[in-house]
Amino acid sequence: MDSRASARCEFRTAQLAETLGISLPNANNRLQRLVEAGALHRQRGSGPDRGGKEFTYRVSRPTRTD
């Protein structure tokens, strides 16, 4: 991911797809796998254009177990 996304720590599927030069379905599949693995956290919200469902992703913080 480029520095713009890492600086924000939050991004949407379309932003990732554009940054990586991949299709939206491809980005969705990759993000879903990362959510399932616990590497990303997903939060549902409404889309910016038409109010449809859209997810915002952010990197999961590791849990400390001291």
PDB file of N, CA and C in Angstrom:
ATOM      1  N   MET A   1       0.846  -1.174   0.000  1.00  0.00           N
ATOM      2  CA  MET A   1       0.000   0.000   0.000  1.00  0.00           C
ATOM      3  C   MET A   1       0.890   1.235   0.000  1.00  0.00           C
ATOM      4  N   ASP A   2       0.470   2.294  -0.631  1.00  0.00           N
ATOM      5  CA  ASP A   2       1.310   3.481  -0.688  1.00  0.00           C
ATOM      6  C   ASP A   2       1.262   4.267   0.618  1.00  0.00           C
ATOM      7  N   SER A   3       2.096   5.297   0.701  1.00  0.00           N
ATOM      8  CA  SER A   3       2.213   6.063   1.943  1.00  0.00           C
ATOM      9  C   SER A   3       0.936   6.817   2.295  1.00  0.00           C
ATOM     10  N   ARG A   4       0.114   7.150   1.290  1.00  0.00           N
ATOM     11  CA  ARG A   4      -1.148   7.846   1.594  1.00  0.00           C
ATOM     12  C   ARG A   4      -2.057   6.971   2.430  1.00  0.00           C
ATOM     13  N   ALA A   5      -2.185   5.700   2.063  1.00  0.00           N
ATOM     14  CA  ALA A   5      -3.048   4.782   2.806  1.00  0.00           C
ATOM     15  C   ALA A   5      -2.456   4.471   4.168  1.00  0.00           C
ATOM     16  N   SER A   6      -1.149   4.251   4.240  1.00  0.00           N
ATOM     17  CA  SER A   6      -0.548   3.912   5.529  1.00  0.00           C
ATOM     18  C   SER A   6      -0.570   5.098   6.467  1.00  0.00           C
ATOM     19  N   ALA A   7      -0.497   6.314   5.941  1.00  0.00           N
ATOM     20  CA  ALA A   7      -0.566   7.504   6.795  1.00  0.00           C
ATOM     21  C   ALA A   7      -1.960   7.646   7.396  1.00  0.00           C
ATOM     22  N   ARG A   8      -2.999   7.278   6.629  1.00  0.00           N
ATOM     23  CA  ARG A   8      -4.369   7.379   7.122  1.00  0.00           C
ATOM     24  C   ARG A   8      -4.727   6.227   8.039  1.00  0.00           C
ATOM     25  N   CYS A   9      -4.167   5.078   7.777  1.00  0.00           N
ATOM     26  CA  CYS A   9      -4.466   3.853   8.516  1.00  0.00           C
ATOM     27  C   CYS A   9      -5.877   3.355   8.277  1.00  0.00           C
ATOM     28  N   GLU A  10      -6.650   4.030   7.494  1.00  0.00           N
ATOM     29  CA  GLU A  10      -7.996   3.590   7.117  1.00  0.00           C
ATOM     30  C   GLU A  10      -8.146   3.762   5.616  1.00  0.00           C
ATOM     31  N   PHE A  11      -8.863   2.853   4.997  1.00  0.00           N
ATOM     32  CA  PHE A  11      -9.058   2.944   3.558  1.00  0.00           C
ATOM     33  C   PHE A  11     -10.297   2.159   3.169  1.00  0.00           C
ATOM     34  N   ARG A  12     -10.794   2.439   1.970  1.00  0.00           N
ATOM     35  CA  ARG A  12     -11.923   1.716   1.398  1.00  0.00           C
ATOM     36  C   ARG A  12     -11.425   0.847   0.248  1.00  0.00           C
ATOM     37  N   THR A  13     -12.238  -0.089  -0.160  1.00  0.00           N
ATOM     38  CA  THR A  13     -11.867  -1.033  -1.209  1.00  0.00           C
ATOM     39  C   THR A  13     -11.457  -0.318  -2.489  1.00  0.00           C
ATOM     40  N   ALA A  14     -12.218   0.680  -2.895  1.00  0.00           N
ATOM     41  CA  ALA A  14     -11.921   1.394  -4.136  1.00  0.00           C
ATOM     42  C   ALA A  14     -10.556   2.077  -4.073  1.00  0.00           C
ATOM     43  N   GLN A  15     -10.209   2.597  -2.908  1.00  0.00           N
ATOM     44  CA  GLN A  15      -8.903   3.243  -2.757  1.00  0.00           C
ATOM     45  C   GLN A  15      -7.775   2.221  -2.924  1.00  0.00           C
ATOM     46  N   LEU A  16      -7.936   1.056  -2.315  1.00  0.00           N
ATOM     47  CA  LEU A  16      -6.919   0.017  -2.425  1.00  0.00           C
ATOM     48  C   LEU A  16      -6.806  -0.466  -3.866  1.00  0.00           C
ATOM     49  N   ALA A  17      -7.942  -0.707  -4.510  1.00  0.00           N
ATOM     50  CA  ALA A  17      -7.941  -1.187  -5.892  1.00  0.00           C
ATOM     51  C   ALA A  17      -7.228  -0.194  -6.806  1.00  0.00           C
ATOM     52  N   GLU A  18      -7.502   1.072  -6.632  1.00  0.00           N
ATOM     53  CA  GLU A  18      -6.860   2.093  -7.463  1.00  0.00           C
ATOM     54  C   GLU A  18      -5.357   2.143  -7.201  1.00  0.00           C
ATOM     55  N   THR A  19      -4.972   2.107  -5.941  1.00  0.00           N
ATOM     56  CA  THR A  19      -3.556   2.173  -5.580  1.00  0.00           C
ATOM     57  C   THR A  19      -2.780   0.988  -6.144  1.00  0.00           C
ATOM     58  N   LEU A  20      -3.378  -0.204  -6.075  1.00  0.00           N
ATOM     59  CA  LEU A  20      -2.694  -1.412  -6.540  1.00  0.00           C
ATOM     60  C   LEU A  20      -2.912  -1.703  -8.022  1.00  0.00           C
ATOM     61  N   GLY A  21      -3.840  -0.986  -8.647  1.00  0.00           N
ATOM     62  CA  GLY A  21      -4.136  -1.223 -10.057  1.00  0.00           C
ATOM     63  C   GLY A  21      -4.822  -2.554 -10.291  1.00  0.00           C
ATOM     64  N   ILE A  22      -5.741  -2.924  -9.373  1.00  0.00           N
ATOM     65  CA  ILE A  22      -6.478  -4.180  -9.491  1.00  0.00           C
ATOM     66  C   ILE A  22      -7.973  -3.884  -9.524  1.00  0.00           C
ATOM     67  N   SER A  23      -8.769  -4.899  -9.884  1.00  0.00           N
ATOM     68  CA  SER A  23     -10.217  -4.712  -9.953  1.00  0.00           C
ATOM     69  C   SER A  23     -10.823  -4.661  -8.547  1.00  0.00           C
ATOM     70  N   LEU A  24     -12.028  -4.102  -8.452  1.00  0.00           N
ATOM     71  CA  LEU A  24     -12.734  -4.068  -7.166  1.00  0.00           C
ATOM     72  C   LEU A  24     -13.010  -5.467  -6.621  1.00  0.00           C
ATOM     73  N   PRO A  25     -13.485  -6.424  -7.447  1.00  0.00           N
ATOM     74  CA  PRO A  25     -13.703  -7.770  -6.911  1.00  0.00           C
ATOM     75  C   PRO A  25     -12.408  -8.408  -6.378  1.00  0.00           C
ATOM     76  N   ASN A  26     -11.308  -8.186  -7.079  1.00  0.00           N
ATOM     77  CA  ASN A  26     -10.027  -8.719  -6.633  1.00  0.00           C
ATOM     78  C   ASN A  26      -9.645  -8.099  -5.285  1.00  0.00           C
ATOM     79  N   ALA A  27      -9.791  -6.781  -5.158  1.00  0.00           N
ATOM     80  CA  ALA A  27      -9.488  -6.102  -3.893  1.00  0.00           C
ATOM     81  C   ALA A  27     -10.398  -6.609  -2.780  1.00  0.00           C
ATOM     82  N   ASN A  28     -11.692  -6.782  -3.072  1.00  0.00           N
ATOM     83  CA  ASN A  28     -12.635  -7.306  -2.071  1.00  0.00           C
ATOM     84  C   ASN A  28     -12.203  -8.679  -1.564  1.00  0.00           C
ATOM     85  N   ASN A  29     -11.819  -9.546  -2.481  1.00  0.00           N
ATOM     86  CA  ASN A  29     -11.384 -10.892  -2.095  1.00  0.00           C
ATOM     87  C   ASN A  29     -10.152 -10.851  -1.207  1.00  0.00           C
ATOM     88  N   ARG A  30      -9.191 -10.041  -1.568  1.00  0.00           N
ATOM     89  CA  ARG A  30      -7.965  -9.934  -0.775  1.00  0.00           C
ATOM     90  C   ARG A  30      -8.256  -9.368   0.608  1.00  0.00           C
ATOM     91  N   LEU A  31      -9.094  -8.348   0.661  1.00  0.00           N
ATOM     92  CA  LEU A  31      -9.425  -7.742   1.955  1.00  0.00           C
ATOM     93  C   LEU A  31     -10.187  -8.715   2.844  1.00  0.00           C
ATOM     94  N   GLN A  32     -11.106  -9.469   2.255  1.00  0.00           N
ATOM     95  CA  GLN A  32     -11.866 -10.446   3.037  1.00  0.00           C
ATOM     96  C   GLN A  32     -10.938 -11.480   3.666  1.00  0.00           C
ATOM     97  N   ARG A  33      -9.964 -11.927   2.917  1.00  0.00           N
ATOM     98  CA  ARG A  33      -8.997 -12.898   3.462  1.00  0.00           C
ATOM     99  C   ARG A  33      -8.195 -12.300   4.616  1.00  0.00           C
ATOM    100  N   LEU A  34      -7.818 -11.049   4.492  1.00  0.00           N
ATOM    101  CA  LEU A  34      -7.058 -10.390   5.562  1.00  0.00           C
ATOM    102  C   LEU A  34      -7.917 -10.163   6.804  1.00  0.00           C
ATOM    103  N   VAL A  35      -9.204  -9.874   6.610  1.00  0.00           N
ATOM    104  CA  VAL A  35     -10.126  -9.740   7.750  1.00  0.00           C
ATOM    105  C   VAL A  35     -10.263 -11.092   8.448  1.00  0.00           C
ATOM    106  N   GLU A  36     -10.451 -12.153   7.682  1.00  0.00           N
ATOM    107  CA  GLU A  36     -10.590 -13.496   8.254  1.00  0.00           C
ATOM    108  C   GLU A  36      -9.336 -13.926   9.010  1.00  0.00           C
ATOM    109  N   ALA A  37      -8.178 -13.468   8.548  1.00  0.00           N
ATOM    110  CA  ALA A  37      -6.912 -13.807   9.203  1.00  0.00           C
ATOM    111  C   ALA A  37      -6.640 -12.938  10.425  1.00  0.00           C
ATOM    112  N   GLY A  38      -7.456 -11.893  10.609  1.00  0.00           N
ATOM    113  CA  GLY A  38      -7.285 -11.013  11.763  1.00  0.00           C
ATOM    114  C   GLY A  38      -6.304  -9.876  11.541  1.00  0.00           C
ATOM    115  N   ALA A  39      -5.829  -9.717  10.314  1.00  0.00           N
ATOM    116  CA  ALA A  39      -4.858  -8.664  10.015  1.00  0.00           C
ATOM    117  C   ALA A  39      -5.519  -7.296   9.827  1.00  0.00           C
ATOM    118  N   LEU A  40      -6.791  -7.300   9.432  1.00  0.00           N
ATOM    119  CA  LEU A  40      -7.536  -6.057   9.227  1.00  0.00           C
ATOM    120  C   LEU A  40      -8.821  -6.076  10.032  1.00  0.00           C
ATOM    121  N   HIS A  41      -9.276  -4.886  10.381  1.00  0.00           N
ATOM    122  CA  HIS A  41     -10.578  -4.709  11.024  1.00  0.00           C
ATOM    123  C   HIS A  41     -11.477  -4.028  10.001  1.00  0.00           C
ATOM    124  N   ARG A  42     -12.720  -4.476   9.899  1.00  0.00           N
ATOM    125  CA  ARG A  42     -13.670  -3.923   8.925  1.00  0.00           C
ATOM    126  C   ARG A  42     -14.828  -3.276   9.659  1.00  0.00           C
ATOM    127  N   GLN A  43     -15.198  -2.059   9.226  1.00  0.00           N
ATOM    128  CA  GLN A  43     -16.326  -1.348   9.808  1.00  0.00           C
ATOM    129  C   GLN A  43     -17.276  -0.962   8.683  1.00  0.00           C
ATOM    130  N   ARG A  44     -18.546  -1.273   8.874  1.00  0.00           N
ATOM    131  CA  ARG A  44     -19.551  -0.986   7.849  1.00  0.00           C
ATOM    132  C   ARG A  44     -20.067   0.438   7.997  1.00  0.00           C
ATOM    133  N   GLY A  45     -20.265   1.067   6.855  1.00  0.00           N
ATOM    134  CA  GLY A  45     -20.829   2.409   6.819  1.00  0.00           C
ATOM    135  C   GLY A  45     -21.585   2.574   5.521  1.00  0.00           C
ATOM    136  N   SER A  46     -22.081   3.760   5.279  1.00  0.00           N
ATOM    137  CA  SER A  46     -22.782   4.004   4.018  1.00  0.00           C
ATOM    138  C   SER A  46     -21.803   4.581   3.013  1.00  0.00           C
ATOM    139  N   GLY A  47     -22.051   4.272   1.754  1.00  0.00           N
ATOM    140  CA  GLY A  47     -21.183   4.741   0.683  1.00  0.00           C
ATOM    141  C   GLY A  47     -21.275   6.242   0.496  1.00  0.00           C
ATOM    142  N   PRO A  48     -20.212   6.858   0.005  1.00  0.00           N
ATOM    143  CA  PRO A  48     -20.182   8.309  -0.141  1.00  0.00           C
ATOM    144  C   PRO A  48     -21.052   8.832  -1.281  1.00  0.00           C
ATOM    145  N   ASP A  49     -21.326   8.007  -2.280  1.00  0.00           N
ATOM    146  CA  ASP A  49     -22.050   8.503  -3.449  1.00  0.00           C
ATOM    147  C   ASP A  49     -23.543   8.241  -3.406  1.00  0.00           C
ATOM    148  N   ARG A  50     -23.922   6.974  -3.256  1.00  0.00           N
ATOM    149  CA  ARG A  50     -25.334   6.619  -3.360  1.00  0.00           C
ATOM    150  C   ARG A  50     -25.916   6.074  -2.071  1.00  0.00           C
ATOM    151  N   GLY A  51     -25.159   6.078  -1.003  1.00  0.00           N
ATOM    152  CA  GLY A  51     -25.690   5.617   0.265  1.00  0.00           C
ATOM    153  C   GLY A  51     -25.730   4.109   0.435  1.00  0.00           C
ATOM    154  N   GLY A  52     -25.154   3.361  -0.499  1.00  0.00           N
ATOM    155  CA  GLY A  52     -25.100   1.910  -0.372  1.00  0.00           C
ATOM    156  C   GLY A  52     -24.123   1.493   0.710  1.00  0.00           C
ATOM    157  N   LYS A  53     -24.078   0.188   0.987  1.00  0.00           N
ATOM    158  CA  LYS A  53     -23.158  -0.254   2.029  1.00  0.00           C
ATOM    159  C   LYS A  53     -21.716  -0.182   1.531  1.00  0.00           C
ATOM    160  N   GLU A  54     -20.856   0.204   2.407  1.00  0.00           N
ATOM    161  CA  GLU A  54     -19.439   0.282   2.088  1.00  0.00           C
ATOM    162  C   GLU A  54     -18.663   0.011   3.370  1.00  0.00           C
ATOM    163  N   PHE A  55     -17.506  -0.579   3.239  1.00  0.00           N
ATOM    164  CA  PHE A  55     -16.700  -0.912   4.401  1.00  0.00           C
ATOM    165  C   PHE A  55     -15.437  -0.081   4.425  1.00  0.00           C
ATOM    166  N   THR A  56     -15.048   0.295   5.612  1.00  0.00           N
ATOM    167  CA  THR A  56     -13.763   0.939   5.845  1.00  0.00           C
ATOM    168  C   THR A  56     -12.889  -0.080   6.552  1.00  0.00           C
ATOM    169  N   TYR A  57     -11.661  -0.182   6.114  1.00  0.00           N
ATOM    170  CA  TYR A  57     -10.725  -1.149   6.685  1.00  0.00           C
ATOM    171  C   TYR A  57      -9.604  -0.409   7.399  1.00  0.00           C
ATOM    172  N   ARG A  58      -9.080  -1.043   8.436  1.00  0.00           N
ATOM    173  CA  ARG A  58      -7.893  -0.527   9.094  1.00  0.00           C
ATOM    174  C   ARG A  58      -7.085  -1.689   9.625  1.00  0.00           C
ATOM    175  N   VAL A  59      -5.801  -1.462   9.774  1.00  0.00           N
ATOM    176  CA  VAL A  59      -4.902  -2.506  10.253  1.00  0.00           C
ATOM    177  C   VAL A  59      -5.236  -2.802  11.709  1.00  0.00           C
ATOM    178  N   SER A  60      -5.361  -4.079  12.021  1.00  0.00           N
ATOM    179  CA  SER A  60      -5.613  -4.494  13.398  1.00  0.00           C
ATOM    180  C   SER A  60      -4.359  -4.290  14.225  1.00  0.00           C
ATOM    181  N   ARG A  61      -4.553  -3.822  15.421  1.00  0.00           N
ATOM    182  CA  ARG A  61      -3.431  -3.655  16.340  1.00  0.00           C
ATOM    183  C   ARG A  61      -3.183  -4.975  17.054  1.00  0.00           C
ATOM    184  N   PRO A  62      -1.924  -5.396  17.145  1.00  0.00           N
ATOM    185  CA  PRO A  62      -1.655  -6.635  17.879  1.00  0.00           C
ATOM    186  C   PRO A  62      -1.992  -6.481  19.350  1.00  0.00           C
ATOM    187  N   THR A  63      -2.494  -7.535  19.935  1.00  0.00           N
ATOM    188  CA  THR A  63      -2.834  -7.537  21.353  1.00  0.00           C
ATOM    189  C   THR A  63      -1.621  -7.980  22.143  1.00  0.00           C
ATOM    190  N   ARG A  64      -1.268  -7.192  23.145  1.00  0.00           N
ATOM    191  CA  ARG A  64      -0.119  -7.557  23.980  1.00  0.00           C
ATOM    192  C   ARG A  64      -0.555  -8.542  25.049  1.00  0.00           C
ATOM    193  N   THR A  65       0.232  -9.537  25.227  1.00  0.00           N
ATOM    194  CA  THR A  65      -0.039 -10.527  26.274  1.00  0.00           C
ATOM    195  C   THR A  65       1.212 -10.675  27.126  1.00  0.00           C
ATOM    196  N   ASP A  66       1.414  -9.727  28.030  1.00  0.00           N
ATOM    197  CA  ASP A  66       2.580  -9.750  28.912  1.00  0.00           C
ATOM    198  C   ASP A  66       2.347 -10.654  30.099  1.00  0.00           C
TER     199      ASP A  66
END
